[in-house]
Amino acid sequence: MTGFKFRKLPVKIIIFNLDAVALLTVGALAPIYAGSIAPDLRATCITLSSIINGIAKILMSIFIGPQLSIMTDDVVEGKCTEEDFRTVVIGMFGQNVRNFCICCC
């Protein structure tokens, strides 16, 4: 790999991934915070977090998964290079880590 090129990252996938990771992070951390603010509603907050996480997983399944599958097929057929595919995968991983850190702070 010669270097990481941000311009090769597909914008649609990055935006959908940003939304999904933000929802997952909020779905995990919001019930803890809400439970500390209103302890009597702690069980309700934890139960509702699964709905938020479910929506995020559905977003990932509908928008992100198929795009990555199409890119994988493009690499096999020679329409896209392995380096481009690796760039997208590394970019998404880095974005997930960055988004998690932003949502936690």
Foldseek 3Di string as FASTA:
>chain_A
DPDADPVLADPQLLVLLLVLLLLLLCLVPVLVVVCVVPVVCSVVSVVVSVVSNVVSVVSCVPRNVVVLVVVVVCCVVVVDPPVSSVSNVVVSVVSSVVSNVVSVD
